[in-house]
Amino acid sequence: FQGHEKRSMKKIADRLEKKIKENDYDVVIAVETPFSYVLTRELGCLKIFVCETLEADELYFSKNFGSLERIHTFREMELEILMKSDYVIFPWETTESYARKYIWKGDNFVTVRYGCYPKDRKVSYFFPVAIVSVGSLWGYWTNKELLSHLTRISPYVIHIYGKDRPPRKYHLNYKGYASSLDVLYDYQFGLTTASRGTFR
């Protein structure tokens, strides 16, 4: 994909369009920009784009995109998906607000908050309290610098779980990959960090 988004997205859309038209679907729901360009085609059904993130902006704020032309092309294709979908669903109001302010004021935008399932079991009380951070550690958006700073200044231990081991320079209390979210029951507080870019 990297640097070849336009060609790759069109090839994927061609294959998907053929399959969708063969099966005569009532609704097509697409997730993630690189796999959703098929929504720009006439499919004869309701088209829903689940926009968990704006990929062109993620790429831009990562500062790992090569040329601005790549961002421009990716943005144009993403905008086309937003405009030609019957509904664009955002999981957070902040993402929808960002899209309206910086990309397009779509009448087809809807925020559907992601919920959670309440648990019967409560976390254990323990003193001193412990803090946990669970999530991806490879992207720029996790703000490993802030996580490192908080780990240094916190009077309480902060344990970090994630699939990707962070570089040692951050001096994080990395505990590896949490095979189950039951690990959360051992902590009293959760911590999520985010990058400082406009998108966050």
Protein backbone atom coordinates (compact mmCIF):
# COMPACT_ATOMS: atom_id res chain seq x y z
CA PHE A 1 0.00 0.00 0.00
CA GLN A 2 2.64 2.53 1.04
CA GLY A 3 2.93 5.12 -1.68
CA HIS A 4 0.56 3.18 -3.95
CA GLU A 5 -2.74 3.93 -2.22
CA LYS A 6 -4.54 5.12 -5.35
CA ARG A 7 -3.77 2.03 -7.43
CA SER A 8 -4.31 -0.40 -4.54
CA MET A 9 -7.61 1.14 -3.44
CA LYS A 10 -8.98 1.06 -6.99
CA LYS A 11 -7.95 -2.58 -7.50
CA ILE A 12 -9.60 -3.61 -4.22
CA ALA A 13 -12.73 -1.63 -5.16
CA ASP A 14 -12.91 -3.35 -8.56
CA ARG A 15 -12.80 -6.82 -6.96
CA LEU A 16 -15.33 -5.92 -4.26
CA GLU A 17 -17.72 -4.23 -6.68
CA LYS A 18 -17.92 -7.39 -8.76
CA LYS A 19 -18.63 -9.59 -5.71
CA ILE A 20 -21.19 -7.18 -4.28
CA LYS A 21 -23.13 -6.94 -7.54
CA GLU A 22 -23.10 -10.73 -7.95
CA ASN A 23 -24.72 -11.20 -4.53
CA ASP A 24 -27.33 -8.42 -4.63
CA TYR A 25 -26.83 -7.10 -1.10
CA ASP A 26 -29.21 -4.68 0.64
CA VAL A 27 -26.43 -2.96 2.61
CA VAL A 28 -22.65 -2.76 2.33
CA ILE A 29 -20.68 -1.65 5.39
CA ALA A 30 -17.03 -0.78 4.87
CA VAL A 31 -14.38 -0.10 7.52
CA GLU A 32 -10.99 1.60 7.02
CA THR A 33 -10.30 3.91 4.10
CA PRO A 34 -7.93 1.65 2.10
CA PHE A 35 -10.65 -1.01 1.78
CA SER A 36 -13.67 1.28 1.40
CA TYR A 37 -13.23 2.91 -2.00
CA VAL A 38 -15.89 0.55 -3.37
CA LEU A 39 -18.42 2.83 -1.66
CA THR A 40 -17.75 5.42 -4.39
CA ARG A 41 -19.31 3.05 -6.94
CA GLU A 42 -22.98 2.58 -7.85
CA LEU A 43 -23.78 -0.61 -5.95
CA GLY A 44 -27.58 -0.56 -5.92
CA CYS A 45 -27.72 -0.79 -2.12
CA LEU A 46 -27.29 1.26 1.03
CA LYS A 47 -23.62 2.20 1.56
CA ILE A 48 -22.24 2.78 5.08
CA PHE A 49 -18.68 3.83 5.86
CA VAL A 50 -17.51 3.23 9.44
CA CYS A 51 -14.88 5.93 9.87
CA GLU A 52 -12.85 4.92 12.91
CA THR A 53 -10.07 7.27 11.85
CA LEU A 54 -9.20 9.60 9.01
CA GLU A 55 -6.34 7.75 7.36
CA ALA A 56 -4.92 10.68 5.35
CA ASP A 57 -4.64 12.75 8.52
CA GLU A 58 -3.13 9.86 10.46
CA LEU A 59 -0.49 9.55 7.76
CA TYR A 60 0.16 13.30 7.72
CA PHE A 61 0.56 13.62 11.49
CA SER A 62 2.81 10.55 11.59
CA LYS A 63 5.34 12.60 9.53
CA ASN A 64 6.11 9.37 7.68
CA PHE A 65 4.51 10.02 4.30
CA GLY A 66 7.28 10.95 1.87
CA SER A 67 5.63 13.58 -0.32
CA LEU A 68 2.66 15.88 0.21
CA GLU A 69 1.30 14.69 -3.13
CA ARG A 70 0.73 11.28 -1.52
CA ILE A 71 -1.30 12.90 1.27
CA HIS A 72 -3.24 15.01 -1.24
CA THR A 73 -4.21 11.98 -3.36
CA PHE A 74 -5.14 9.91 -0.30
CA ARG A 75 -7.25 12.79 1.07
CA GLU A 76 -9.11 13.20 -2.22
CA MET A 77 -9.99 9.50 -2.29
CA GLU A 78 -11.02 9.52 1.35
CA LEU A 79 -13.20 12.59 0.77
CA GLU A 80 -14.85 10.83 -2.16
CA ILE A 81 -15.72 7.90 0.14
CA LEU A 82 -17.20 10.30 2.72
CA MET A 83 -19.27 12.11 0.10
CA LYS A 84 -20.60 9.08 -1.77
CA SER A 85 -21.54 6.99 1.27
CA ASP A 86 -25.17 7.11 2.37
CA TYR A 87 -24.02 7.23 5.99
CA VAL A 88 -20.64 7.85 7.58
CA ILE A 89 -20.51 6.51 11.12
CA PHE A 90 -17.98 7.89 13.62
CA PRO A 91 -17.32 6.22 16.97
CA TRP A 92 -16.54 9.53 18.70
CA GLU A 93 -17.91 13.07 18.45
CA THR A 94 -14.35 14.41 18.37
CA THR A 95 -13.63 12.57 15.11
CA GLU A 96 -16.87 13.78 13.54
CA SER A 97 -16.19 17.37 14.66
CA TYR A 98 -12.67 17.19 13.22
CA ALA A 99 -14.01 15.87 9.90
CA ARG A 100 -16.62 18.65 9.75
CA LYS A 101 -14.09 21.36 10.55
CA TYR A 102 -11.18 20.28 8.37
CA ILE A 103 -12.55 17.98 5.65
CA TRP A 104 -16.24 18.25 4.78
CA LYS A 105 -19.51 19.19 6.49
CA GLY A 106 -21.42 16.05 5.54
CA ASP A 107 -25.19 15.76 6.07
CA ASN A 108 -24.59 12.00 6.11
CA PHE A 109 -22.38 12.07 9.24
CA VAL A 110 -23.58 10.22 12.34
CA THR A 111 -21.81 9.55 15.62
CA VAL A 112 -22.61 6.18 17.18
CA ARG A 113 -20.72 5.94 20.45
CA TYR A 114 -18.91 2.70 21.07
CA GLY A 115 -20.20 1.23 24.28
CA CYS A 116 -18.91 -1.33 26.69
CA TYR A 117 -20.28 -4.32 28.52
CA PRO A 118 -20.58 -3.81 32.28
CA LYS A 119 -18.88 -6.51 34.34
CA ASP A 120 -20.19 -8.14 37.50
CA ARG A 121 -16.71 -8.41 38.91
CA LYS A 122 -15.07 -5.33 40.42
CA VAL A 123 -11.37 -4.53 40.48
CA SER A 124 -9.50 -5.51 43.61
CA TYR A 125 -8.56 -2.79 46.07
CA PHE A 126 -4.87 -2.62 46.74
CA PHE A 127 -2.57 -0.02 48.24
CA PRO A 128 -0.51 1.53 46.92
CA VAL A 129 -2.70 1.82 43.86
CA ALA A 130 -1.44 0.68 40.47
CA ILE A 131 -2.10 2.20 37.05
CA VAL A 132 -2.40 0.29 33.78
CA SER A 133 -2.09 1.30 30.15
CA VAL A 134 -3.26 -1.20 27.52
CA GLY A 135 -3.08 -0.68 23.78
CA SER A 136 -1.02 -0.45 20.64
CA LEU A 137 2.46 0.92 21.20
CA TRP A 138 3.77 1.18 17.65
CA GLY A 139 1.91 4.24 16.32
CA TYR A 140 2.87 7.87 16.85
CA TRP A 141 -0.56 8.54 18.37
CA THR A 142 0.21 6.61 21.57
CA ASN A 143 2.59 9.41 22.61
CA LYS A 144 5.28 7.25 24.15
CA GLU A 145 7.15 10.40 25.22
CA LEU A 146 4.26 11.43 27.48
CA LEU A 147 3.87 7.88 28.76
CA SER A 148 7.58 7.84 29.59
CA HIS A 149 7.34 11.18 31.40
CA LEU A 150 4.32 10.06 33.43
CA THR A 151 6.08 6.82 34.34
CA ARG A 152 9.04 8.82 35.68
CA ILE A 153 7.03 11.31 37.76
CA SER A 154 4.16 9.13 38.98
CA PRO A 155 4.29 8.18 42.66
CA TYR A 156 2.41 5.02 41.63
CA VAL A 157 3.57 2.23 39.36
CA ILE A 158 2.37 2.35 35.74
CA HIS A 159 2.39 -0.98 33.91
CA ILE A 160 2.23 -1.00 30.12
CA TYR A 161 0.68 -3.83 28.08
CA GLY A 162 0.78 -3.99 24.31
CA LYS A 163 1.66 -6.14 21.34
CA ASP A 164 4.71 -4.15 20.27
CA ARG A 165 7.62 -3.77 22.69
CA PRO A 166 8.46 -0.06 23.04
CA PRO A 167 12.08 1.07 22.56
CA ARG A 168 14.16 0.93 25.76
CA LYS A 169 14.88 4.65 25.63
CA TYR A 170 11.37 5.28 27.04
CA HIS A 171 12.08 3.27 30.23
CA LEU A 172 8.51 1.97 30.42
CA ASN A 173 7.36 -0.80 32.75
CA TYR A 174 6.46 -2.99 29.79
CA LYS A 175 4.63 -6.18 30.76
CA GLY A 176 4.19 -7.69 27.30
CA TYR A 177 1.01 -8.56 25.50
CA ALA A 178 -2.10 -8.99 27.67
CA SER A 179 -3.69 -12.19 26.40
CA SER A 180 -6.88 -11.29 28.29
CA LEU A 181 -8.36 -8.02 29.51
CA ASP A 182 -8.84 -9.72 32.87
CA VAL A 183 -5.45 -8.20 33.68
CA LEU A 184 -7.36 -4.95 34.28
CA TYR A 185 -8.84 -6.36 37.50
CA ASP A 186 -5.41 -6.02 39.13
CA TYR A 187 -5.33 -2.24 38.68
CA GLN A 188 -7.29 0.65 40.16
CA PHE A 189 -6.81 3.21 37.36
CA GLY A 190 -6.39 3.12 33.61
CA LEU A 191 -4.28 5.49 31.52
CA THR A 192 -4.49 6.36 27.83
CA THR A 193 -2.14 8.81 26.17
CA ALA A 194 -2.54 10.49 22.79
CA SER A 195 -0.40 12.58 20.47
CA ARG A 196 -0.61 16.37 20.52
CA GLY A 197 -1.60 16.81 16.86
CA THR A 198 -4.76 18.66 15.80
CA PHE A 199 -6.41 15.35 15.01
CA ARG A 200 -6.24 14.19 18.62
